[in-house]
Amino acid sequence: MKRIAVIASGRGSNFQAIIDRVCDGTIPAQITCLITDNPSAYAIKRAENHNIPVSVINFSEYADRALYNQALENAMRECRADLFVLAGYMRLLKPETVRAFAGKMINIHPALLPSFSGLHAQRQALDYGVKIAGCTVHFVDEGMDTGPIILQYPVVVLNSDTEESLAARIMEFEHVALPQAVKLFCEDRLEVSGRKVIINDDQRE
């Protein structure tokens, strides 16, 4: 059985979606740890509710980013996880960290990458006037939201949409896409070939 660690900074709704699918047996894995940079994150409460160990690496307690990054890497190694899931983690990992855990980290982003990477993806989509937005689960590489794409879900943009309403509808699909990608990883069904992620035994084919 695979071991999962989740890295989050905020309320942890995507973390909860993974917890739920582990608890009902959909994801064949054990959640070994929550790592957070925010001691006030509601994700901590979600972890405590399910007896998941929590490692708080409070960014504000470190004199510089290098010391914080070292503490983060140490916490990740201690988890001994097969997969690290970035679920609302609001900091860009340094290249050395990405290389140390290459192929073992995935991220959820509220846009159809490669469009609208970085912060405020929903606002970017609305400002651009797209008719279809969505979310993407991808492997983490050294760029910002540039890793090989695992899954994408489209969401229709309505004329009445605000940044908040679009974000809320996209999040509903995030709660489906991220656990699905974690499940595929834990079942050893993901194969990376260059920029392409092949889903073995994909029923959509």
N, C-alpha and C. Protein backbone atom coordinates (compact mmCIF):
# COMPACT_ATOMS: atom_id res chain seq x y z
N MET A 1 0.85 -1.20 0.00
CA MET A 1 0.00 0.00 0.00
C MET A 1 0.88 1.25 0.00
N LYS A 2 0.55 2.18 -0.88
CA LYS A 2 1.32 3.42 -0.99
C LYS A 2 1.11 4.31 0.23
N ARG A 3 2.12 5.15 0.48
CA ARG A 3 2.08 6.12 1.56
C ARG A 3 2.00 7.52 0.93
N ILE A 4 1.01 8.30 1.38
CA ILE A 4 0.76 9.64 0.85
C ILE A 4 1.06 10.67 1.93
N ALA A 5 1.71 11.76 1.54
CA ALA A 5 1.83 12.94 2.39
C ALA A 5 1.21 14.12 1.64
N VAL A 6 0.48 14.95 2.35
CA VAL A 6 -0.16 16.12 1.74
C VAL A 6 0.51 17.38 2.28
N ILE A 7 0.78 18.32 1.37
CA ILE A 7 1.38 19.60 1.73
C ILE A 7 0.36 20.68 1.41
N ALA A 8 -0.07 21.43 2.43
CA ALA A 8 -1.14 22.41 2.26
C ALA A 8 -0.87 23.64 3.10
N SER A 9 -1.49 24.77 2.69
CA SER A 9 -1.30 26.03 3.40
C SER A 9 -2.58 26.59 4.01
N GLY A 10 -3.74 26.08 3.58
CA GLY A 10 -4.98 26.75 3.97
C GLY A 10 -6.04 25.83 4.52
N ARG A 11 -7.26 25.98 3.99
CA ARG A 11 -8.40 25.29 4.59
C ARG A 11 -8.42 23.80 4.30
N GLY A 12 -7.76 23.37 3.24
CA GLY A 12 -7.57 21.95 3.02
C GLY A 12 -8.77 21.20 2.48
N SER A 13 -9.60 21.83 1.65
CA SER A 13 -10.76 21.11 1.11
C SER A 13 -10.33 19.99 0.16
N ASN A 14 -9.27 20.21 -0.59
CA ASN A 14 -8.76 19.14 -1.45
C ASN A 14 -8.12 18.03 -0.62
N PHE A 15 -7.50 18.40 0.48
CA PHE A 15 -6.98 17.41 1.43
C PHE A 15 -8.12 16.54 1.94
N GLN A 16 -9.25 17.19 2.29
CA GLN A 16 -10.41 16.43 2.77
C GLN A 16 -10.94 15.48 1.71
N ALA A 17 -10.93 15.93 0.46
CA ALA A 17 -11.40 15.06 -0.62
C ALA A 17 -10.55 13.80 -0.72
N ILE A 18 -9.25 13.93 -0.51
CA ILE A 18 -8.36 12.76 -0.52
C ILE A 18 -8.63 11.89 0.70
N ILE A 19 -8.77 12.51 1.87
CA ILE A 19 -9.08 11.74 3.08
C ILE A 19 -10.34 10.89 2.87
N ASP A 20 -11.37 11.51 2.31
CA ASP A 20 -12.64 10.80 2.11
C ASP A 20 -12.48 9.59 1.21
N ARG A 21 -11.70 9.73 0.15
CA ARG A 21 -11.53 8.62 -0.80
C ARG A 21 -10.60 7.55 -0.24
N VAL A 22 -9.69 7.92 0.66
CA VAL A 22 -8.89 6.90 1.35
C VAL A 22 -9.77 6.14 2.34
N CYS A 23 -10.59 6.87 3.07
CA CYS A 23 -11.44 6.24 4.08
C CYS A 23 -12.46 5.29 3.48
N ASP A 24 -12.98 5.60 2.27
CA ASP A 24 -13.99 4.71 1.67
C ASP A 24 -13.37 3.62 0.79
N GLY A 25 -12.03 3.58 0.75
CA GLY A 25 -11.34 2.52 0.03
C GLY A 25 -11.10 2.79 -1.44
N THR A 26 -11.53 3.95 -1.93
CA THR A 26 -11.33 4.26 -3.35
C THR A 26 -9.84 4.40 -3.68
N ILE A 27 -9.11 5.07 -2.79
CA ILE A 27 -7.67 5.23 -2.96
C ILE A 27 -6.96 4.20 -2.09
N PRO A 28 -6.20 3.28 -2.70
CA PRO A 28 -5.53 2.23 -1.93
C PRO A 28 -4.22 2.74 -1.33
N ALA A 29 -4.35 3.54 -0.27
CA ALA A 29 -3.16 4.17 0.31
C ALA A 29 -3.41 4.55 1.76
N GLN A 30 -2.33 4.95 2.42
CA GLN A 30 -2.36 5.45 3.78
C GLN A 30 -1.83 6.88 3.76
N ILE A 31 -2.54 7.80 4.41
CA ILE A 31 -2.04 9.17 4.54
C ILE A 31 -1.15 9.23 5.78
N THR A 32 0.13 9.45 5.56
CA THR A 32 1.09 9.37 6.65
C THR A 32 1.34 10.69 7.34
N CYS A 33 1.05 11.81 6.65
CA CYS A 33 1.41 13.10 7.24
C CYS A 33 0.76 14.24 6.48
N LEU A 34 0.42 15.31 7.23
CA LEU A 34 0.13 16.61 6.64
C LEU A 34 1.30 17.52 6.99
N ILE A 35 1.86 18.17 5.98
CA ILE A 35 2.90 19.17 6.19
C ILE A 35 2.31 20.53 5.82
N THR A 36 2.45 21.50 6.71
CA THR A 36 1.92 22.83 6.42
C THR A 36 2.91 23.91 6.86
N ASP A 37 2.90 25.00 6.14
CA ASP A 37 3.73 26.17 6.49
C ASP A 37 2.94 27.17 7.32
N ASN A 38 1.68 26.84 7.61
CA ASN A 38 0.77 27.78 8.26
C ASN A 38 0.18 27.17 9.52
N PRO A 39 0.61 27.62 10.71
CA PRO A 39 0.12 27.02 11.95
C PRO A 39 -1.37 27.26 12.19
N SER A 40 -1.98 28.17 11.42
CA SER A 40 -3.41 28.45 11.56
C SER A 40 -4.26 27.76 10.49
N ALA A 41 -3.65 26.95 9.66
CA ALA A 41 -4.38 26.32 8.55
C ALA A 41 -5.47 25.40 9.07
N TYR A 42 -6.67 25.51 8.49
CA TYR A 42 -7.76 24.63 8.90
C TYR A 42 -7.47 23.19 8.50
N ALA A 43 -6.57 23.01 7.55
CA ALA A 43 -6.17 21.65 7.16
C ALA A 43 -5.66 20.86 8.37
N ILE A 44 -5.07 21.54 9.34
CA ILE A 44 -4.58 20.87 10.55
C ILE A 44 -5.73 20.21 11.29
N LYS A 45 -6.85 20.93 11.41
CA LYS A 45 -8.03 20.36 12.08
C LYS A 45 -8.53 19.13 11.34
N ARG A 46 -8.52 19.19 10.02
CA ARG A 46 -8.96 18.03 9.23
C ARG A 46 -8.06 16.82 9.51
N ALA A 47 -6.76 17.07 9.61
CA ALA A 47 -5.82 15.98 9.91
C ALA A 47 -6.09 15.41 11.30
N GLU A 48 -6.26 16.29 12.27
CA GLU A 48 -6.50 15.84 13.64
C GLU A 48 -7.78 15.02 13.74
N ASN A 49 -8.80 15.39 12.95
CA ASN A 49 -10.07 14.66 12.97
C ASN A 49 -9.91 13.21 12.52
N HIS A 50 -8.83 12.94 11.77
CA HIS A 50 -8.61 11.60 11.24
C HIS A 50 -7.31 10.99 11.75
N ASN A 51 -6.79 11.56 12.83
CA ASN A 51 -5.57 11.03 13.47
C ASN A 51 -4.39 10.94 12.51
N ILE A 52 -4.28 11.94 11.64
CA ILE A 52 -3.17 12.02 10.70
C ILE A 52 -2.09 12.91 11.32
N PRO A 53 -0.85 12.45 11.44
CA PRO A 53 0.22 13.28 12.01
C PRO A 53 0.40 14.58 11.23
N VAL A 54 0.73 15.64 11.95
CA VAL A 54 0.91 16.97 11.35
C VAL A 54 2.31 17.48 11.63
N SER A 55 2.95 18.00 10.60
CA SER A 55 4.26 18.64 10.74
C SER A 55 4.11 20.10 10.32
N VAL A 56 4.23 21.01 11.27
CA VAL A 56 4.11 22.44 10.98
C VAL A 56 5.50 23.03 10.80
N ILE A 57 5.78 23.48 9.59
CA ILE A 57 7.05 24.16 9.29
C ILE A 57 6.70 25.62 9.04
N ASN A 58 6.64 26.38 10.12
CA ASN A 58 6.15 27.76 10.07
C ASN A 58 7.18 28.66 9.38
N PHE A 59 6.83 29.14 8.20
CA PHE A 59 7.77 29.94 7.39
C PHE A 59 8.29 31.14 8.18
N SER A 60 7.41 31.75 8.98
CA SER A 60 7.81 32.98 9.69
C SER A 60 8.83 32.74 10.78
N GLU A 61 9.06 31.49 11.14
CA GLU A 61 10.01 31.19 12.21
C GLU A 61 11.44 31.00 11.70
N TYR A 62 11.64 31.09 10.40
CA TYR A 62 12.97 30.84 9.83
C TYR A 62 13.58 32.15 9.35
N ALA A 63 14.88 32.27 9.58
CA ALA A 63 15.57 33.53 9.28
C ALA A 63 15.61 33.81 7.78
N ASP A 64 15.65 32.76 6.98
CA ASP A 64 15.64 32.97 5.53
C ASP A 64 15.01 31.77 4.85
N ARG A 65 14.80 31.92 3.56
CA ARG A 65 14.10 30.88 2.80
C ARG A 65 14.91 29.59 2.75
N ALA A 66 16.24 29.69 2.71
CA ALA A 66 17.07 28.49 2.63
C ALA A 66 16.86 27.60 3.85
N LEU A 67 16.79 28.22 5.03
CA LEU A 67 16.58 27.45 6.25
C LEU A 67 15.20 26.81 6.26
N TYR A 68 14.20 27.57 5.81
CA TYR A 68 12.84 27.02 5.71
C TYR A 68 12.81 25.83 4.75
N ASN A 69 13.44 26.00 3.60
CA ASN A 69 13.44 24.93 2.60
C ASN A 69 14.11 23.66 3.14
N GLN A 70 15.18 23.83 3.89
CA GLN A 70 15.86 22.68 4.46
C GLN A 70 14.96 21.95 5.45
N ALA A 71 14.25 22.73 6.28
CA ALA A 71 13.32 22.14 7.25
C ALA A 71 12.18 21.41 6.53
N LEU A 72 11.70 22.00 5.45
CA LEU A 72 10.63 21.37 4.67
C LEU A 72 11.11 20.04 4.09
N GLU A 73 12.29 20.03 3.50
CA GLU A 73 12.83 18.79 2.93
C GLU A 73 13.03 17.73 4.01
N ASN A 74 13.49 18.14 5.18
CA ASN A 74 13.67 17.19 6.26
C ASN A 74 12.34 16.56 6.67
N ALA A 75 11.31 17.39 6.74
CA ALA A 75 9.98 16.89 7.10
C ALA A 75 9.45 15.93 6.04
N MET A 76 9.72 16.25 4.78
CA MET A 76 9.27 15.38 3.70
C MET A 76 9.97 14.03 3.75
N ARG A 77 11.25 14.04 4.03
CA ARG A 77 11.99 12.78 4.12
C ARG A 77 11.49 11.93 5.29
N GLU A 78 11.18 12.59 6.40
CA GLU A 78 10.71 11.86 7.57
C GLU A 78 9.37 11.16 7.32
N CYS A 79 8.58 11.70 6.39
CA CYS A 79 7.29 11.08 6.07
C CYS A 79 7.45 9.74 5.38
N ARG A 80 8.57 9.56 4.69
CA ARG A 80 8.81 8.34 3.91
C ARG A 80 7.63 8.03 2.97
N ALA A 81 7.14 9.08 2.32
CA ALA A 81 5.96 8.94 1.46
C ALA A 81 6.37 8.52 0.05
N ASP A 82 5.48 7.77 -0.58
CA ASP A 82 5.64 7.43 -1.99
C ASP A 82 5.16 8.55 -2.89
N LEU A 83 4.22 9.37 -2.36
CA LEU A 83 3.63 10.45 -3.14
C LEU A 83 3.39 11.65 -2.23
N PHE A 84 3.79 12.84 -2.71
CA PHE A 84 3.51 14.10 -2.03
C PHE A 84 2.49 14.86 -2.87
N VAL A 85 1.39 15.24 -2.23
CA VAL A 85 0.31 15.93 -2.93
C VAL A 85 0.28 17.39 -2.47
N LEU A 86 0.53 18.31 -3.40
CA LEU A 86 0.42 19.73 -3.08
C LEU A 86 -1.04 20.12 -3.25
N ALA A 87 -1.70 20.41 -2.14
CA ALA A 87 -3.13 20.70 -2.15
C ALA A 87 -3.36 22.08 -1.53
N GLY A 88 -3.16 23.11 -2.36
CA GLY A 88 -3.27 24.46 -1.84
C GLY A 88 -2.05 24.90 -1.07
N TYR A 89 -0.88 24.42 -1.49
CA TYR A 89 0.38 24.89 -0.91
C TYR A 89 0.80 26.13 -1.68
N MET A 90 0.96 27.24 -0.97
CA MET A 90 1.07 28.55 -1.61
C MET A 90 2.50 29.03 -1.82
N ARG A 91 3.46 28.13 -1.76
CA ARG A 91 4.85 28.52 -2.00
C ARG A 91 5.43 27.69 -3.13
N LEU A 92 6.31 28.32 -3.90
CA LEU A 92 6.98 27.64 -5.00
C LEU A 92 8.16 26.85 -4.44
N LEU A 93 8.18 25.56 -4.71
CA LEU A 93 9.28 24.72 -4.22
C LEU A 93 10.57 25.07 -4.94
N LYS A 94 11.67 25.00 -4.23
CA LYS A 94 12.95 25.29 -4.87
C LYS A 94 13.34 24.11 -5.78
N PRO A 95 14.13 24.37 -6.83
CA PRO A 95 14.48 23.31 -7.78
C PRO A 95 15.12 22.09 -7.13
N GLU A 96 15.94 22.30 -6.10
CA GLU A 96 16.61 21.18 -5.45
C GLU A 96 15.59 20.24 -4.79
N THR A 97 14.54 20.82 -4.22
CA THR A 97 13.49 20.00 -3.60
C THR A 97 12.74 19.20 -4.65
N VAL A 98 12.43 19.85 -5.75
CA VAL A 98 11.73 19.16 -6.84
C VAL A 98 12.56 18.00 -7.36
N ARG A 99 13.85 18.23 -7.53
CA ARG A 99 14.72 17.16 -8.03
C ARG A 99 14.83 16.01 -7.02
N ALA A 100 14.85 16.36 -5.73
CA ALA A 100 15.00 15.33 -4.70
C ALA A 100 13.80 14.39 -4.67
N PHE A 101 12.62 14.90 -5.07
CA PHE A 101 11.40 14.08 -5.03
C PHE A 101 10.77 13.99 -6.42
N ALA A 102 11.59 13.98 -7.43
CA ALA A 102 11.11 13.95 -8.82
C ALA A 102 10.22 12.73 -9.07
N GLY A 103 9.10 12.98 -9.73
CA GLY A 103 8.18 11.90 -10.04
C GLY A 103 7.31 11.46 -8.89
N LYS A 104 7.46 12.13 -7.74
CA LYS A 104 6.72 11.75 -6.54
C LYS A 104 5.87 12.88 -6.00
N MET A 105 5.69 13.95 -6.79
CA MET A 105 4.89 15.09 -6.35
C MET A 105 3.89 15.46 -7.42
N ILE A 106 2.63 15.69 -7.00
CA ILE A 106 1.62 16.19 -7.92
C ILE A 106 0.96 17.43 -7.31
N ASN A 107 0.36 18.23 -8.18
CA ASN A 107 -0.24 19.50 -7.78
C ASN A 107 -1.58 19.66 -8.48
N ILE A 108 -2.50 20.37 -7.82
CA ILE A 108 -3.78 20.72 -8.44
C ILE A 108 -3.78 22.23 -8.71
N HIS A 109 -4.21 22.62 -9.93
CA HIS A 109 -4.22 24.04 -10.30
C HIS A 109 -5.58 24.38 -10.91
N PRO A 110 -6.19 25.50 -10.53
CA PRO A 110 -7.55 25.83 -10.98
C PRO A 110 -7.60 26.50 -12.35
N ALA A 111 -6.99 25.87 -13.33
CA ALA A 111 -7.05 26.35 -14.72
C ALA A 111 -6.68 25.19 -15.63
N LEU A 112 -6.99 25.35 -16.90
CA LEU A 112 -6.60 24.36 -17.89
C LEU A 112 -5.21 24.72 -18.40
N LEU A 113 -4.21 24.20 -17.73
CA LEU A 113 -2.82 24.49 -18.13
C LEU A 113 -2.56 24.00 -19.55
N PRO A 114 -1.67 24.66 -20.29
CA PRO A 114 -0.71 25.68 -19.82
C PRO A 114 -1.26 27.10 -19.70
N SER A 115 -2.55 27.31 -19.93
CA SER A 115 -3.12 28.64 -19.77
C SER A 115 -3.26 29.00 -18.29
N PHE A 116 -3.00 30.26 -17.97
CA PHE A 116 -3.31 30.85 -16.67
C PHE A 116 -2.62 30.14 -15.51
N SER A 117 -1.32 30.03 -15.61
CA SER A 117 -0.54 29.48 -14.50
C SER A 117 -0.37 30.54 -13.43
N GLY A 118 0.15 30.13 -12.28
CA GLY A 118 0.41 31.08 -11.21
C GLY A 118 -0.83 31.44 -10.41
N LEU A 119 -0.77 32.59 -9.74
CA LEU A 119 -1.85 33.01 -8.85
C LEU A 119 -3.04 33.57 -9.61
N HIS A 120 -4.20 33.54 -8.95
CA HIS A 120 -5.43 34.15 -9.46
C HIS A 120 -5.80 33.62 -10.85
N ALA A 121 -5.74 32.30 -11.01
CA ALA A 121 -6.01 31.70 -12.32
C ALA A 121 -7.43 31.98 -12.79
N GLN A 122 -8.39 31.97 -11.87
CA GLN A 122 -9.78 32.21 -12.27
C GLN A 122 -9.97 33.64 -12.76
N ARG A 123 -9.32 34.58 -12.08
CA ARG A 123 -9.40 35.98 -12.51
C ARG A 123 -8.74 36.14 -13.88
N GLN A 124 -7.60 35.46 -14.08
CA GLN A 124 -6.95 35.53 -15.38
C GLN A 124 -7.88 35.02 -16.48
N ALA A 125 -8.58 33.92 -16.21
CA ALA A 125 -9.48 33.33 -17.20
C ALA A 125 -10.61 34.28 -17.54
N LEU A 126 -11.20 34.89 -16.53
CA LEU A 126 -12.30 35.83 -16.77
C LEU A 126 -11.81 37.06 -17.52
N ASP A 127 -10.66 37.59 -17.13
CA ASP A 127 -10.12 38.78 -17.79
C ASP A 127 -9.83 38.51 -19.26
N TYR A 128 -9.42 37.27 -19.57
CA TYR A 128 -9.09 36.92 -20.94
C TYR A 128 -10.35 36.66 -21.78
N GLY A 129 -11.44 36.34 -21.09
CA GLY A 129 -12.69 36.11 -21.81
C GLY A 129 -12.88 34.71 -22.33
N VAL A 130 -12.23 33.72 -21.73
CA VAL A 130 -12.39 32.35 -22.21
C VAL A 130 -13.79 31.85 -21.92
N LYS A 131 -14.24 30.88 -22.69
CA LYS A 131 -15.56 30.28 -22.50
C LYS A 131 -15.48 28.99 -21.69
N ILE A 132 -14.30 28.39 -21.64
CA ILE A 132 -14.08 27.17 -20.89
C ILE A 132 -12.90 27.38 -19.96
N ALA A 133 -13.13 27.15 -18.66
CA ALA A 133 -12.05 27.14 -17.67
C ALA A 133 -11.93 25.71 -17.16
N GLY A 134 -11.38 25.53 -15.97
CA GLY A 134 -11.29 24.17 -15.44
C GLY A 134 -10.16 24.01 -14.46
N CYS A 135 -9.75 22.75 -14.27
CA CYS A 135 -8.65 22.46 -13.34
C CYS A 135 -7.74 21.40 -13.94
N THR A 136 -6.52 21.38 -13.46
CA THR A 136 -5.49 20.47 -13.96
C THR A 136 -4.74 19.84 -12.79
N VAL A 137 -4.54 18.54 -12.87
CA VAL A 137 -3.62 17.86 -11.95
C VAL A 137 -2.37 17.51 -12.74
N HIS A 138 -1.22 17.86 -12.22
CA HIS A 138 0.03 17.64 -12.96
C HIS A 138 1.15 17.24 -12.03
N PHE A 139 2.14 16.56 -12.59
CA PHE A 139 3.36 16.31 -11.84
C PHE A 139 4.09 17.63 -11.64
N VAL A 140 4.83 17.75 -10.55
CA VAL A 140 5.56 18.97 -10.23
C VAL A 140 6.95 18.89 -10.84
N ASP A 141 7.31 19.93 -11.59
CA ASP A 141 8.68 20.06 -12.07
C ASP A 141 9.24 21.38 -11.56
N GLU A 142 10.34 21.85 -12.13
CA GLU A 142 11.03 23.01 -11.58
C GLU A 142 10.38 24.33 -11.96
N GLY A 143 9.42 24.31 -12.88
CA GLY A 143 8.73 25.54 -13.27
C GLY A 143 7.48 25.77 -12.43
N MET A 144 6.78 26.85 -12.75
CA MET A 144 5.53 27.15 -12.06
C MET A 144 4.37 26.57 -12.87
N ASP A 145 3.78 25.49 -12.37
CA ASP A 145 2.63 24.85 -13.02
C ASP A 145 2.96 24.37 -14.43
N THR A 146 4.17 23.83 -14.61
CA THR A 146 4.61 23.44 -15.95
C THR A 146 4.84 21.94 -16.10
N GLY A 147 4.60 21.15 -15.07
CA GLY A 147 4.89 19.72 -15.13
C GLY A 147 3.92 18.95 -16.00
N PRO A 148 4.26 17.70 -16.36
CA PRO A 148 3.41 16.87 -17.21
C PRO A 148 2.00 16.72 -16.64
N ILE A 149 1.01 16.86 -17.51
CA ILE A 149 -0.39 16.88 -17.11
C ILE A 149 -0.94 15.47 -16.96
N ILE A 150 -1.59 15.22 -15.82
CA ILE A 150 -2.20 13.91 -15.54
C ILE A 150 -3.66 13.91 -15.94
N LEU A 151 -4.43 14.87 -15.40
CA LEU A 151 -5.86 14.95 -15.67
C LEU A 151 -6.29 16.40 -15.81
N GLN A 152 -7.32 16.64 -16.62
CA GLN A 152 -7.93 17.96 -16.72
C GLN A 152 -9.45 17.82 -16.76
N TYR A 153 -10.13 18.75 -16.09
CA TYR A 153 -11.59 18.78 -16.13
C TYR A 153 -12.03 20.18 -16.58
N PRO A 154 -12.89 20.26 -17.61
CA PRO A 154 -13.36 21.56 -18.08
C PRO A 154 -14.56 22.06 -17.29
N VAL A 155 -14.68 23.37 -17.18
CA VAL A 155 -15.82 24.01 -16.54
C VAL A 155 -16.27 25.17 -17.43
N VAL A 156 -17.55 25.19 -17.78
CA VAL A 156 -18.08 26.25 -18.63
C VAL A 156 -18.10 27.57 -17.86
N VAL A 157 -17.64 28.64 -18.52
CA VAL A 157 -17.68 29.97 -17.92
C VAL A 157 -19.01 30.63 -18.29
N LEU A 158 -19.74 31.07 -17.27
CA LEU A 158 -21.03 31.72 -17.48
C LEU A 158 -20.87 33.22 -17.63
N ASN A 159 -21.81 33.85 -18.35
CA ASN A 159 -21.75 35.31 -18.52
C ASN A 159 -21.79 36.03 -17.17
N SER A 160 -22.46 35.43 -16.21
CA SER A 160 -22.65 36.06 -14.90
C SER A 160 -21.51 35.77 -13.92
N ASP A 161 -20.54 35.00 -14.34
CA ASP A 161 -19.51 34.56 -13.41
C ASP A 161 -18.69 35.70 -12.85
N THR A 162 -18.41 35.59 -11.55
CA THR A 162 -17.40 36.40 -10.89
C THR A 162 -16.20 35.48 -10.60
N GLU A 163 -15.12 36.06 -10.15
CA GLU A 163 -13.97 35.23 -9.78
C GLU A 163 -14.37 34.21 -8.72
N GLU A 164 -15.20 34.63 -7.77
CA GLU A 164 -15.59 33.76 -6.67
C GLU A 164 -16.51 32.62 -7.15
N SER A 165 -17.48 32.94 -8.00
CA SER A 165 -18.42 31.90 -8.45
C SER A 165 -17.73 30.89 -9.35
N LEU A 166 -16.82 31.37 -10.21
CA LEU A 166 -16.09 30.45 -11.07
C LEU A 166 -15.16 29.57 -10.24
N ALA A 167 -14.50 30.16 -9.26
CA ALA A 167 -13.60 29.39 -8.40
C ALA A 167 -14.36 28.30 -7.66
N ALA A 168 -15.58 28.61 -7.21
CA ALA A 168 -16.37 27.63 -6.47
C ALA A 168 -16.76 26.45 -7.36
N ARG A 169 -17.14 26.72 -8.60
CA ARG A 169 -17.52 25.63 -9.51
C ARG A 169 -16.32 24.79 -9.92
N ILE A 170 -15.18 25.46 -10.14
CA ILE A 170 -13.96 24.72 -10.47
C ILE A 170 -13.56 23.82 -9.30
N MET A 171 -13.72 24.33 -8.09
CA MET A 171 -13.31 23.54 -6.92
C MET A 171 -14.09 22.24 -6.82
N GLU A 172 -15.35 22.23 -7.22
CA GLU A 172 -16.12 20.99 -7.21
C GLU A 172 -15.43 19.92 -8.05
N PHE A 173 -14.85 20.34 -9.17
CA PHE A 173 -14.16 19.39 -10.04
C PHE A 173 -12.77 19.07 -9.51
N GLU A 174 -12.14 20.02 -8.80
CA GLU A 174 -10.86 19.72 -8.16
C GLU A 174 -11.02 18.56 -7.19
N HIS A 175 -12.15 18.54 -6.48
CA HIS A 175 -12.39 17.49 -5.48
C HIS A 175 -12.61 16.13 -6.11
N VAL A 176 -12.85 16.11 -7.41
CA VAL A 176 -12.95 14.85 -8.16
C VAL A 176 -11.60 14.50 -8.79
N ALA A 177 -10.99 15.50 -9.43
CA ALA A 177 -9.78 15.26 -10.22
C ALA A 177 -8.59 14.86 -9.36
N LEU A 178 -8.39 15.55 -8.24
CA LEU A 178 -7.19 15.27 -7.44
C LEU A 178 -7.23 13.87 -6.83
N PRO A 179 -8.32 13.46 -6.18
CA PRO A 179 -8.35 12.07 -5.70
C PRO A 179 -8.22 11.04 -6.80
N GLN A 180 -8.78 11.35 -7.98
CA GLN A 180 -8.66 10.40 -9.10
C GLN A 180 -7.21 10.24 -9.51
N ALA A 181 -6.47 11.36 -9.58
CA ALA A 181 -5.06 11.30 -9.96
C ALA A 181 -4.25 10.55 -8.89
N VAL A 182 -4.57 10.79 -7.62
CA VAL A 182 -3.87 10.09 -6.54
C VAL A 182 -4.14 8.58 -6.65
N LYS A 183 -5.37 8.22 -6.92
CA LYS A 183 -5.73 6.81 -7.08
C LYS A 183 -4.93 6.17 -8.21
N LEU A 184 -4.84 6.86 -9.35
CA LEU A 184 -4.10 6.32 -10.49
C LEU A 184 -2.63 6.13 -10.14
N PHE A 185 -2.05 7.09 -9.41
CA PHE A 185 -0.65 6.96 -8.99
C PHE A 185 -0.49 5.75 -8.08
N CYS A 186 -1.38 5.63 -7.12
CA CYS A 186 -1.27 4.54 -6.13
C CYS A 186 -1.51 3.17 -6.75
N GLU A 187 -2.19 3.14 -7.87
CA GLU A 187 -2.40 1.89 -8.59
C GLU A 187 -1.30 1.63 -9.63
N ASP A 188 -0.26 2.49 -9.64
CA ASP A 188 0.86 2.36 -10.58
C ASP A 188 0.40 2.39 -12.03
N ARG A 189 -0.56 3.26 -12.32
CA ARG A 189 -1.12 3.33 -13.66
C ARG A 189 -0.63 4.54 -14.45
N LEU A 190 0.26 5.34 -13.87
CA LEU A 190 0.75 6.54 -14.55
C LEU A 190 2.17 6.31 -15.06
N GLU A 191 2.36 6.63 -16.33
CA GLU A 191 3.67 6.48 -16.96
C GLU A 191 3.99 7.79 -17.68
N VAL A 192 5.12 8.39 -17.34
CA VAL A 192 5.52 9.66 -17.93
C VAL A 192 6.47 9.41 -19.09
N SER A 193 6.08 9.92 -20.26
CA SER A 193 6.90 9.80 -21.46
C SER A 193 7.10 11.19 -22.04
N GLY A 194 8.26 11.80 -21.72
CA GLY A 194 8.47 13.19 -22.11
C GLY A 194 7.50 14.09 -21.38
N ARG A 195 6.70 14.86 -22.13
CA ARG A 195 5.69 15.71 -21.51
C ARG A 195 4.35 14.99 -21.36
N LYS A 196 4.24 13.82 -21.90
CA LYS A 196 2.95 13.12 -21.91
C LYS A 196 2.86 12.14 -20.75
N VAL A 197 1.72 12.17 -20.06
CA VAL A 197 1.44 11.18 -19.02
C VAL A 197 0.46 10.16 -19.60
N ILE A 198 0.91 8.92 -19.67
CA ILE A 198 0.08 7.84 -20.17
C ILE A 198 -0.63 7.18 -18.99
N ILE A 199 -1.97 7.07 -19.10
CA ILE A 199 -2.75 6.38 -18.08
C ILE A 199 -2.99 4.96 -18.57
N ASN A 200 -2.32 4.00 -17.97
CA ASN A 200 -2.45 2.62 -18.39
C ASN A 200 -3.83 2.08 -18.04
N ASP A 201 -4.38 1.28 -18.97
CA ASP A 201 -5.74 0.73 -18.82
C ASP A 201 -6.77 1.83 -18.68
N ASP A 202 -6.56 2.93 -19.41
CA ASP A 202 -7.49 4.05 -19.37
C ASP A 202 -8.81 3.64 -20.05
N GLN A 203 -9.89 3.66 -19.32
CA GLN A 203 -11.17 3.23 -19.84
C GLN A 203 -11.76 4.22 -20.85
N ARG A 204 -11.15 5.42 -20.93
CA ARG A 204 -11.67 6.43 -21.87
C ARG A 204 -11.21 6.15 -23.30
N GLU A 205 -10.22 5.29 -23.47
CA GLU A 205 -9.69 5.04 -24.80
C GLU A 205 -10.63 4.16 -25.60
